[in-house]
Amino acid sequence: MLPFEIEKFPEILQERIPNIDPIIIRFIKEAIISIKAGSNLGCAFLLGGASEKAICLLIDTYTNAIKDEALRDKFRARVSGKFISKVFDLFKNSYKSSKNKPHGMGWTNDLEIKIEQIFQFCRICRNESGHPHLPPNLDKGVLLANMGQFVKYIEDLYEMLEYYKENEVEL
């Protein structure tokens, strides 16, 4: 999608993912308003928030799908109260060691490309915009490129989320 089509992102996401979380949509709408108003920091912060919400939903769904109750409780305790970057690392390690994973479209080998790289980029941009001790270095082109990837990123993430709604995690 071209940058001038960003206004369509919320509708496209809702069409492609009918059960998408409304908070993700609200943050995307606000990010669009922000970037169009010249508020790059606001856009980065909101896009990071939308990404983090999606990652939290994925990790919660994955956690609930862990077949063994003791292992599920242990994983839940390990991720509870941690920063999202640490929670994602714990999830990624558990995912890699699980016996069953989404198949097709490269899921077994491409978690890092389909999910992690965009998540980390959104997280870093959000941190740059939200922490006064980090000098923000965000230009509109970088944010538009990030937004351009966001629809596919959320689609891939929700594909994985749906897999774990329908399948137990075997560790």
N, C-alpha and C. Protein backbone atom coordinates (compact mmCIF):
# COMPACT_ATOMS: atom_id res chain seq x y z
N MET A 1 0.82 -1.18 0.00
CA MET A 1 0.00 0.00 0.00
C MET A 1 0.87 1.24 0.00
N LEU A 2 0.41 2.24 -0.67
CA LEU A 2 1.14 3.49 -0.74
C LEU A 2 0.81 4.37 0.47
N PRO A 3 1.73 5.24 0.86
CA PRO A 3 1.50 6.08 2.04
C PRO A 3 0.20 6.88 1.98
N PHE A 4 -0.22 7.32 0.78
CA PHE A 4 -1.44 8.10 0.72
C PHE A 4 -2.68 7.26 0.98
N GLU A 5 -2.53 5.96 1.07
CA GLU A 5 -3.65 5.07 1.35
C GLU A 5 -3.76 4.71 2.83
N ILE A 6 -2.97 5.36 3.68
CA ILE A 6 -2.97 4.97 5.08
C ILE A 6 -4.33 5.16 5.75
N GLU A 7 -5.14 6.06 5.24
CA GLU A 7 -6.47 6.25 5.82
C GLU A 7 -7.30 4.97 5.76
N LYS A 8 -6.98 4.09 4.82
CA LYS A 8 -7.73 2.85 4.63
C LYS A 8 -7.29 1.73 5.58
N PHE A 9 -6.16 1.89 6.26
CA PHE A 9 -5.61 0.81 7.08
C PHE A 9 -6.61 0.25 8.09
N PRO A 10 -7.31 1.08 8.86
CA PRO A 10 -8.25 0.51 9.83
C PRO A 10 -9.34 -0.35 9.17
N GLU A 11 -9.89 0.14 8.06
CA GLU A 11 -10.93 -0.60 7.37
C GLU A 11 -10.39 -1.89 6.76
N ILE A 12 -9.19 -1.81 6.20
CA ILE A 12 -8.57 -3.01 5.61
C ILE A 12 -8.34 -4.05 6.70
N LEU A 13 -7.82 -3.62 7.83
CA LEU A 13 -7.60 -4.55 8.93
C LEU A 13 -8.91 -5.18 9.40
N GLN A 14 -9.96 -4.38 9.52
CA GLN A 14 -11.24 -4.91 9.97
C GLN A 14 -11.85 -5.86 8.94
N GLU A 15 -11.63 -5.60 7.65
CA GLU A 15 -12.13 -6.50 6.61
C GLU A 15 -11.38 -7.83 6.65
N ARG A 16 -10.07 -7.76 6.79
CA ARG A 16 -9.24 -8.96 6.73
C ARG A 16 -9.24 -9.74 8.04
N ILE A 17 -9.45 -9.03 9.15
CA ILE A 17 -9.46 -9.66 10.48
C ILE A 17 -10.71 -9.18 11.21
N PRO A 18 -11.85 -9.80 10.95
CA PRO A 18 -13.10 -9.32 11.54
C PRO A 18 -13.10 -9.26 13.07
N ASN A 19 -12.32 -10.12 13.71
CA ASN A 19 -12.30 -10.15 15.18
C ASN A 19 -11.12 -9.37 15.76
N ILE A 20 -10.56 -8.44 15.01
CA ILE A 20 -9.42 -7.67 15.48
C ILE A 20 -9.81 -6.86 16.72
N ASP A 21 -8.89 -6.76 17.63
CA ASP A 21 -9.15 -6.03 18.88
C ASP A 21 -9.41 -4.55 18.57
N PRO A 22 -10.46 -3.98 19.14
CA PRO A 22 -10.79 -2.58 18.86
C PRO A 22 -9.72 -1.59 19.33
N ILE A 23 -8.93 -1.96 20.31
CA ILE A 23 -7.86 -1.07 20.77
C ILE A 23 -6.81 -0.91 19.69
N ILE A 24 -6.51 -1.99 18.99
CA ILE A 24 -5.54 -1.92 17.89
C ILE A 24 -6.05 -0.95 16.82
N ILE A 25 -7.31 -1.09 16.46
CA ILE A 25 -7.90 -0.21 15.45
C ILE A 25 -7.89 1.24 15.92
N ARG A 26 -8.25 1.47 17.16
CA ARG A 26 -8.27 2.85 17.70
C ARG A 26 -6.87 3.46 17.66
N PHE A 27 -5.86 2.70 18.05
CA PHE A 27 -4.50 3.22 18.04
C PHE A 27 -4.03 3.50 16.61
N ILE A 28 -4.39 2.65 15.66
CA ILE A 28 -4.01 2.88 14.26
C ILE A 28 -4.68 4.15 13.74
N LYS A 29 -5.97 4.31 14.03
CA LYS A 29 -6.66 5.54 13.61
C LYS A 29 -5.99 6.78 14.19
N GLU A 30 -5.63 6.72 15.45
CA GLU A 30 -4.98 7.86 16.09
C GLU A 30 -3.57 8.08 15.52
N ALA A 31 -2.87 7.00 15.18
CA ALA A 31 -1.54 7.13 14.58
C ALA A 31 -1.64 7.83 13.22
N ILE A 32 -2.67 7.52 12.46
CA ILE A 32 -2.88 8.16 11.16
C ILE A 32 -3.15 9.65 11.35
N ILE A 33 -4.01 9.97 12.29
CA ILE A 33 -4.29 11.39 12.58
C ILE A 33 -3.01 12.10 12.99
N SER A 34 -2.21 11.45 13.82
CA SER A 34 -0.96 12.05 14.30
C SER A 34 0.02 12.34 13.17
N ILE A 35 0.25 11.35 12.32
CA ILE A 35 1.24 11.56 11.25
C ILE A 35 0.77 12.60 10.25
N LYS A 36 -0.53 12.63 9.98
CA LYS A 36 -1.05 13.62 9.05
C LYS A 36 -0.95 15.04 9.63
N ALA A 37 -0.95 15.13 10.96
CA ALA A 37 -0.83 16.43 11.63
C ALA A 37 0.63 16.82 11.85
N GLY A 38 1.55 15.95 11.43
CA GLY A 38 2.97 16.24 11.61
C GLY A 38 3.53 15.84 12.96
N SER A 39 2.78 15.04 13.70
CA SER A 39 3.23 14.58 15.01
C SER A 39 3.87 13.20 14.87
N ASN A 40 5.13 13.19 14.46
CA ASN A 40 5.83 11.92 14.27
C ASN A 40 5.97 11.15 15.57
N LEU A 41 6.26 11.85 16.66
CA LEU A 41 6.41 11.17 17.95
C LEU A 41 5.09 10.53 18.38
N GLY A 42 3.99 11.25 18.21
CA GLY A 42 2.69 10.70 18.55
C GLY A 42 2.36 9.47 17.72
N CYS A 43 2.66 9.53 16.43
CA CYS A 43 2.42 8.40 15.54
C CYS A 43 3.23 7.18 15.98
N ALA A 44 4.52 7.40 16.25
CA ALA A 44 5.40 6.29 16.67
C ALA A 44 4.90 5.67 17.97
N PHE A 45 4.49 6.50 18.89
CA PHE A 45 4.02 6.00 20.17
C PHE A 45 2.75 5.16 19.99
N LEU A 46 1.81 5.65 19.20
CA LEU A 46 0.56 4.94 18.99
C LEU A 46 0.75 3.65 18.20
N LEU A 47 1.60 3.67 17.19
CA LEU A 47 1.87 2.47 16.43
C LEU A 47 2.52 1.41 17.32
N GLY A 48 3.43 1.84 18.18
CA GLY A 48 4.03 0.92 19.14
C GLY A 48 3.01 0.35 20.10
N GLY A 49 2.06 1.18 20.52
CA GLY A 49 1.00 0.70 21.41
C GLY A 49 0.11 -0.33 20.74
N ALA A 50 -0.23 -0.09 19.48
CA ALA A 50 -1.05 -1.04 18.73
C ALA A 50 -0.30 -2.38 18.58
N SER A 51 0.97 -2.28 18.28
CA SER A 51 1.80 -3.49 18.13
C SER A 51 1.89 -4.25 19.44
N GLU A 52 2.13 -3.53 20.52
CA GLU A 52 2.25 -4.19 21.83
C GLU A 52 0.94 -4.87 22.22
N LYS A 53 -0.18 -4.23 21.94
CA LYS A 53 -1.48 -4.85 22.25
C LYS A 53 -1.62 -6.17 21.50
N ALA A 54 -1.25 -6.17 20.21
CA ALA A 54 -1.36 -7.39 19.41
C ALA A 54 -0.44 -8.48 19.94
N ILE A 55 0.78 -8.12 20.30
CA ILE A 55 1.73 -9.09 20.85
C ILE A 55 1.21 -9.66 22.17
N CYS A 56 0.66 -8.80 23.01
CA CYS A 56 0.10 -9.28 24.29
C CYS A 56 -1.04 -10.27 24.06
N LEU A 57 -1.89 -9.98 23.08
CA LEU A 57 -2.98 -10.91 22.75
C LEU A 57 -2.43 -12.26 22.28
N LEU A 58 -1.40 -12.21 21.44
CA LEU A 58 -0.78 -13.44 20.96
C LEU A 58 -0.20 -14.25 22.12
N ILE A 59 0.53 -13.59 22.98
CA ILE A 59 1.18 -14.31 24.08
C ILE A 59 0.15 -14.84 25.07
N ASP A 60 -0.91 -14.08 25.33
CA ASP A 60 -1.99 -14.58 26.20
C ASP A 60 -2.65 -15.81 25.59
N THR A 61 -2.91 -15.76 24.29
CA THR A 61 -3.55 -16.89 23.61
C THR A 61 -2.63 -18.10 23.62
N TYR A 62 -1.36 -17.89 23.35
CA TYR A 62 -0.37 -18.96 23.39
C TYR A 62 -0.33 -19.57 24.80
N THR A 63 -0.27 -18.73 25.81
CA THR A 63 -0.21 -19.20 27.19
C THR A 63 -1.42 -20.07 27.52
N ASN A 64 -2.60 -19.59 27.17
CA ASN A 64 -3.82 -20.33 27.45
C ASN A 64 -3.89 -21.65 26.69
N ALA A 65 -3.13 -21.75 25.59
CA ALA A 65 -3.16 -22.97 24.78
C ALA A 65 -2.16 -24.02 25.26
N ILE A 66 -1.31 -23.69 26.21
CA ILE A 66 -0.34 -24.67 26.70
C ILE A 66 -1.10 -25.82 27.35
N LYS A 67 -0.91 -26.99 26.80
CA LYS A 67 -1.68 -28.18 27.17
C LYS A 67 -1.49 -28.57 28.63
N ASP A 68 -0.26 -28.67 29.06
CA ASP A 68 0.06 -29.10 30.42
C ASP A 68 -0.18 -27.95 31.40
N GLU A 69 -1.09 -28.16 32.34
CA GLU A 69 -1.47 -27.10 33.27
C GLU A 69 -0.29 -26.59 34.10
N ALA A 70 0.55 -27.48 34.55
CA ALA A 70 1.71 -27.07 35.36
C ALA A 70 2.67 -26.22 34.53
N LEU A 71 2.91 -26.62 33.29
CA LEU A 71 3.78 -25.84 32.41
C LEU A 71 3.14 -24.50 32.05
N ARG A 72 1.83 -24.51 31.87
CA ARG A 72 1.10 -23.26 31.58
C ARG A 72 1.24 -22.29 32.74
N ASP A 73 1.02 -22.78 33.95
CA ASP A 73 1.14 -21.92 35.14
C ASP A 73 2.57 -21.41 35.31
N LYS A 74 3.53 -22.26 35.04
CA LYS A 74 4.93 -21.87 35.16
C LYS A 74 5.28 -20.78 34.13
N PHE A 75 4.82 -20.94 32.90
CA PHE A 75 5.07 -19.93 31.86
C PHE A 75 4.38 -18.62 32.22
N ARG A 76 3.14 -18.71 32.66
CA ARG A 76 2.39 -17.51 33.05
C ARG A 76 3.13 -16.75 34.17
N ALA A 77 3.65 -17.47 35.13
CA ALA A 77 4.39 -16.83 36.22
C ALA A 77 5.67 -16.17 35.71
N ARG A 78 6.34 -16.81 34.74
CA ARG A 78 7.59 -16.25 34.20
C ARG A 78 7.34 -14.96 33.43
N VAL A 79 6.21 -14.83 32.75
CA VAL A 79 5.97 -13.63 31.94
C VAL A 79 5.25 -12.53 32.70
N SER A 80 4.68 -12.87 33.82
CA SER A 80 3.87 -11.91 34.58
C SER A 80 4.73 -10.74 35.11
N GLY A 81 4.26 -9.53 34.84
CA GLY A 81 4.88 -8.34 35.40
C GLY A 81 6.19 -7.92 34.75
N LYS A 82 6.54 -8.51 33.64
CA LYS A 82 7.80 -8.20 32.95
C LYS A 82 7.56 -7.16 31.85
N PHE A 83 8.63 -6.49 31.45
CA PHE A 83 8.57 -5.61 30.30
C PHE A 83 8.26 -6.42 29.05
N ILE A 84 7.59 -5.80 28.09
CA ILE A 84 7.14 -6.52 26.90
C ILE A 84 8.31 -7.14 26.13
N SER A 85 9.45 -6.49 26.12
CA SER A 85 10.61 -7.06 25.40
C SER A 85 11.04 -8.38 26.03
N LYS A 86 11.03 -8.46 27.35
CA LYS A 86 11.39 -9.69 28.06
C LYS A 86 10.31 -10.75 27.87
N VAL A 87 9.05 -10.34 27.93
CA VAL A 87 7.94 -11.27 27.73
C VAL A 87 8.03 -11.88 26.33
N PHE A 88 8.34 -11.04 25.34
CA PHE A 88 8.45 -11.57 23.98
C PHE A 88 9.60 -12.56 23.88
N ASP A 89 10.72 -12.27 24.51
CA ASP A 89 11.85 -13.21 24.48
C ASP A 89 11.48 -14.55 25.11
N LEU A 90 10.75 -14.51 26.23
CA LEU A 90 10.31 -15.74 26.87
C LEU A 90 9.34 -16.52 25.97
N PHE A 91 8.44 -15.79 25.33
CA PHE A 91 7.51 -16.41 24.39
C PHE A 91 8.27 -17.06 23.24
N LYS A 92 9.20 -16.31 22.65
CA LYS A 92 9.95 -16.81 21.50
C LYS A 92 10.70 -18.10 21.85
N ASN A 93 11.32 -18.13 23.01
CA ASN A 93 12.04 -19.33 23.44
C ASN A 93 11.10 -20.51 23.64
N SER A 94 9.95 -20.25 24.23
CA SER A 94 8.97 -21.31 24.43
C SER A 94 8.43 -21.79 23.08
N TYR A 95 8.13 -20.85 22.21
CA TYR A 95 7.63 -21.18 20.87
C TYR A 95 8.62 -22.08 20.13
N LYS A 96 9.89 -21.71 20.18
CA LYS A 96 10.91 -22.47 19.46
C LYS A 96 11.04 -23.89 20.00
N SER A 97 10.79 -24.07 21.30
CA SER A 97 10.92 -25.40 21.88
C SER A 97 9.62 -26.20 21.83
N SER A 98 8.53 -25.59 21.38
CA SER A 98 7.26 -26.32 21.33
C SER A 98 7.28 -27.35 20.20
N LYS A 99 6.50 -28.39 20.39
CA LYS A 99 6.47 -29.50 19.44
C LYS A 99 5.56 -29.22 18.26
N ASN A 100 4.58 -28.37 18.44
CA ASN A 100 3.66 -28.05 17.35
C ASN A 100 3.65 -26.53 17.13
N LYS A 101 3.67 -26.18 15.86
CA LYS A 101 3.71 -24.77 15.46
C LYS A 101 2.80 -24.58 14.26
N PRO A 102 2.41 -23.34 14.00
CA PRO A 102 1.67 -23.10 12.75
C PRO A 102 2.48 -23.59 11.56
N HIS A 103 1.81 -24.17 10.58
CA HIS A 103 2.53 -24.67 9.41
C HIS A 103 2.12 -23.86 8.18
N GLY A 104 2.90 -24.02 7.16
CA GLY A 104 2.67 -23.27 5.94
C GLY A 104 3.23 -21.86 6.06
N MET A 105 3.42 -21.23 4.95
CA MET A 105 3.87 -19.85 4.88
C MET A 105 5.13 -19.58 5.71
N GLY A 106 5.95 -20.59 5.95
CA GLY A 106 7.22 -20.38 6.60
C GLY A 106 7.20 -20.16 8.09
N TRP A 107 6.11 -20.51 8.77
CA TRP A 107 6.02 -20.21 10.19
C TRP A 107 7.10 -20.88 11.02
N THR A 108 7.47 -22.08 10.69
CA THR A 108 8.44 -22.79 11.52
C THR A 108 9.76 -22.04 11.62
N ASN A 109 10.18 -21.43 10.54
CA ASN A 109 11.48 -20.78 10.53
C ASN A 109 11.43 -19.25 10.52
N ASP A 110 10.28 -18.67 10.30
CA ASP A 110 10.23 -17.24 10.03
C ASP A 110 9.54 -16.38 11.09
N LEU A 111 9.41 -16.87 12.32
CA LEU A 111 8.83 -16.04 13.36
C LEU A 111 9.58 -14.71 13.47
N GLU A 112 10.90 -14.79 13.39
CA GLU A 112 11.72 -13.60 13.53
C GLU A 112 11.41 -12.57 12.44
N ILE A 113 11.15 -13.03 11.23
CA ILE A 113 10.90 -12.11 10.12
C ILE A 113 9.45 -11.64 10.12
N LYS A 114 8.51 -12.55 10.28
CA LYS A 114 7.10 -12.19 10.18
C LYS A 114 6.59 -11.37 11.36
N ILE A 115 7.13 -11.61 12.53
CA ILE A 115 6.60 -10.96 13.73
C ILE A 115 7.67 -10.15 14.45
N GLU A 116 8.75 -10.78 14.81
CA GLU A 116 9.70 -10.15 15.74
C GLU A 116 10.33 -8.86 15.21
N GLN A 117 10.77 -8.84 13.99
CA GLN A 117 11.47 -7.66 13.51
C GLN A 117 10.57 -6.43 13.49
N ILE A 118 9.35 -6.58 13.06
CA ILE A 118 8.45 -5.43 13.04
C ILE A 118 8.04 -5.06 14.45
N PHE A 119 7.78 -6.06 15.30
CA PHE A 119 7.46 -5.77 16.70
C PHE A 119 8.58 -4.98 17.35
N GLN A 120 9.82 -5.43 17.18
CA GLN A 120 10.94 -4.75 17.82
C GLN A 120 11.12 -3.34 17.27
N PHE A 121 10.93 -3.16 15.97
CA PHE A 121 11.06 -1.83 15.39
C PHE A 121 9.98 -0.90 15.95
N CYS A 122 8.74 -1.38 16.02
CA CYS A 122 7.65 -0.57 16.60
C CYS A 122 7.94 -0.24 18.06
N ARG A 123 8.46 -1.21 18.78
CA ARG A 123 8.77 -1.01 20.20
C ARG A 123 9.87 0.02 20.38
N ILE A 124 10.91 -0.07 19.57
CA ILE A 124 12.02 0.88 19.68
C ILE A 124 11.55 2.29 19.31
N CYS A 125 10.77 2.42 18.26
CA CYS A 125 10.23 3.73 17.89
C CYS A 125 9.35 4.30 19.00
N ARG A 126 8.52 3.45 19.59
CA ARG A 126 7.69 3.89 20.70
C ARG A 126 8.55 4.36 21.86
N ASN A 127 9.58 3.60 22.17
CA ASN A 127 10.46 3.99 23.27
C ASN A 127 11.17 5.31 22.97
N GLU A 128 11.62 5.50 21.74
CA GLU A 128 12.27 6.76 21.39
C GLU A 128 11.31 7.93 21.54
N SER A 129 10.06 7.71 21.25
CA SER A 129 9.09 8.81 21.33
C SER A 129 8.57 9.03 22.74
N GLY A 130 8.66 8.03 23.59
CA GLY A 130 8.03 8.13 24.90
C GLY A 130 8.97 8.29 26.08
N HIS A 131 10.26 8.26 25.84
CA HIS A 131 11.22 8.40 26.93
C HIS A 131 12.06 9.66 26.71
N PRO A 132 11.96 10.62 27.59
CA PRO A 132 12.66 11.89 27.38
C PRO A 132 14.18 11.79 27.40
N HIS A 133 14.72 10.74 27.95
CA HIS A 133 16.18 10.60 27.97
C HIS A 133 16.74 10.00 26.68
N LEU A 134 15.86 9.54 25.77
CA LEU A 134 16.30 9.04 24.47
C LEU A 134 16.03 10.10 23.42
N PRO A 135 17.03 10.56 22.71
CA PRO A 135 16.77 11.58 21.69
C PRO A 135 16.00 10.99 20.51
N PRO A 136 14.79 11.46 20.24
CA PRO A 136 14.01 10.90 19.14
C PRO A 136 14.63 11.24 17.79
N ASN A 137 14.70 10.24 16.95
CA ASN A 137 15.26 10.42 15.61
C ASN A 137 14.32 9.74 14.63
N LEU A 138 13.11 10.24 14.54
CA LEU A 138 12.09 9.62 13.70
C LEU A 138 11.65 10.60 12.62
N ASP A 139 11.77 10.19 11.39
CA ASP A 139 11.23 11.05 10.34
C ASP A 139 9.99 10.41 9.76
N LYS A 140 9.25 11.20 9.03
CA LYS A 140 7.97 10.76 8.49
C LYS A 140 8.12 9.56 7.57
N GLY A 141 9.18 9.53 6.77
CA GLY A 141 9.40 8.41 5.84
C GLY A 141 9.56 7.09 6.56
N VAL A 142 10.29 7.09 7.66
CA VAL A 142 10.48 5.87 8.45
C VAL A 142 9.14 5.41 9.01
N LEU A 143 8.37 6.34 9.52
CA LEU A 143 7.06 5.98 10.09
C LEU A 143 6.10 5.48 9.02
N LEU A 144 6.10 6.12 7.86
CA LEU A 144 5.23 5.66 6.77
C LEU A 144 5.62 4.26 6.31
N ALA A 145 6.92 4.00 6.25
CA ALA A 145 7.37 2.64 5.87
C ALA A 145 6.91 1.63 6.92
N ASN A 146 7.02 2.01 8.18
CA ASN A 146 6.58 1.13 9.26
C ASN A 146 5.08 0.89 9.18
N MET A 147 4.34 1.93 8.91
CA MET A 147 2.89 1.78 8.78
C MET A 147 2.53 0.91 7.58
N GLY A 148 3.31 1.04 6.51
CA GLY A 148 3.06 0.25 5.31
C GLY A 148 3.20 -1.25 5.57
N GLN A 149 4.06 -1.63 6.48
CA GLN A 149 4.24 -3.04 6.83
C GLN A 149 3.24 -3.51 7.87
N PHE A 150 2.59 -2.58 8.53
CA PHE A 150 1.81 -2.90 9.71
C PHE A 150 0.61 -3.80 9.42
N VAL A 151 -0.06 -3.57 8.29
CA VAL A 151 -1.24 -4.39 7.96
C VAL A 151 -0.84 -5.85 7.82
N LYS A 152 0.21 -6.13 7.06
CA LYS A 152 0.67 -7.52 6.87
C LYS A 152 1.15 -8.12 8.18
N TYR A 153 1.84 -7.32 8.97
CA TYR A 153 2.33 -7.76 10.29
C TYR A 153 1.16 -8.21 11.17
N ILE A 154 0.13 -7.41 11.24
CA ILE A 154 -1.03 -7.75 12.08
C ILE A 154 -1.75 -8.97 11.51
N GLU A 155 -1.84 -9.07 10.19
CA GLU A 155 -2.45 -10.26 9.58
C GLU A 155 -1.67 -11.53 9.97
N ASP A 156 -0.35 -11.48 9.85
CA ASP A 156 0.47 -12.63 10.21
C ASP A 156 0.32 -12.96 11.69
N LEU A 157 0.33 -11.94 12.51
CA LEU A 157 0.22 -12.14 13.95
C LEU A 157 -1.13 -12.78 14.30
N TYR A 158 -2.19 -12.29 13.69
CA TYR A 158 -3.51 -12.86 13.96
C TYR A 158 -3.65 -14.27 13.41
N GLU A 159 -2.94 -14.58 12.33
CA GLU A 159 -2.95 -15.96 11.82
C GLU A 159 -2.36 -16.89 12.88
N MET A 160 -1.28 -16.44 13.49
CA MET A 160 -0.64 -17.22 14.54
C MET A 160 -1.55 -17.30 15.77
N LEU A 161 -2.16 -16.21 16.12
CA LEU A 161 -3.08 -16.16 17.26
C LEU A 161 -4.24 -17.15 17.05
N GLU A 162 -4.80 -17.15 15.86
CA GLU A 162 -5.91 -18.07 15.56
C GLU A 162 -5.47 -19.53 15.64
N TYR A 163 -4.24 -19.79 15.22
CA TYR A 163 -3.72 -21.15 15.32
C TYR A 163 -3.75 -21.61 16.78
N TYR A 164 -3.33 -20.74 17.68
CA TYR A 164 -3.28 -21.12 19.09
C TYR A 164 -4.64 -21.08 19.78
N LYS A 165 -5.63 -20.50 19.16
CA LYS A 165 -7.00 -20.62 19.66
C LYS A 165 -7.55 -22.01 19.35
N GLU A 166 -7.06 -22.58 18.25
CA GLU A 166 -7.59 -23.85 17.77
C GLU A 166 -6.72 -25.06 18.11
N ASN A 167 -5.49 -24.82 18.55
CA ASN A 167 -4.54 -25.91 18.79
C ASN A 167 -3.85 -25.72 20.14
N GLU A 168 -3.68 -26.82 20.83
CA GLU A 168 -2.94 -26.77 22.08
C GLU A 168 -1.45 -26.68 21.83
N VAL A 169 -0.74 -26.08 22.75
CA VAL A 169 0.73 -26.00 22.68
C VAL A 169 1.28 -27.20 23.43
N GLU A 170 2.12 -27.94 22.75
CA GLU A 170 2.76 -29.09 23.37
C GLU A 170 4.23 -28.75 23.59
N LEU A 171 4.61 -28.69 24.87
CA LEU A 171 6.00 -28.38 25.21
C LEU A 171 6.75 -29.63 25.62
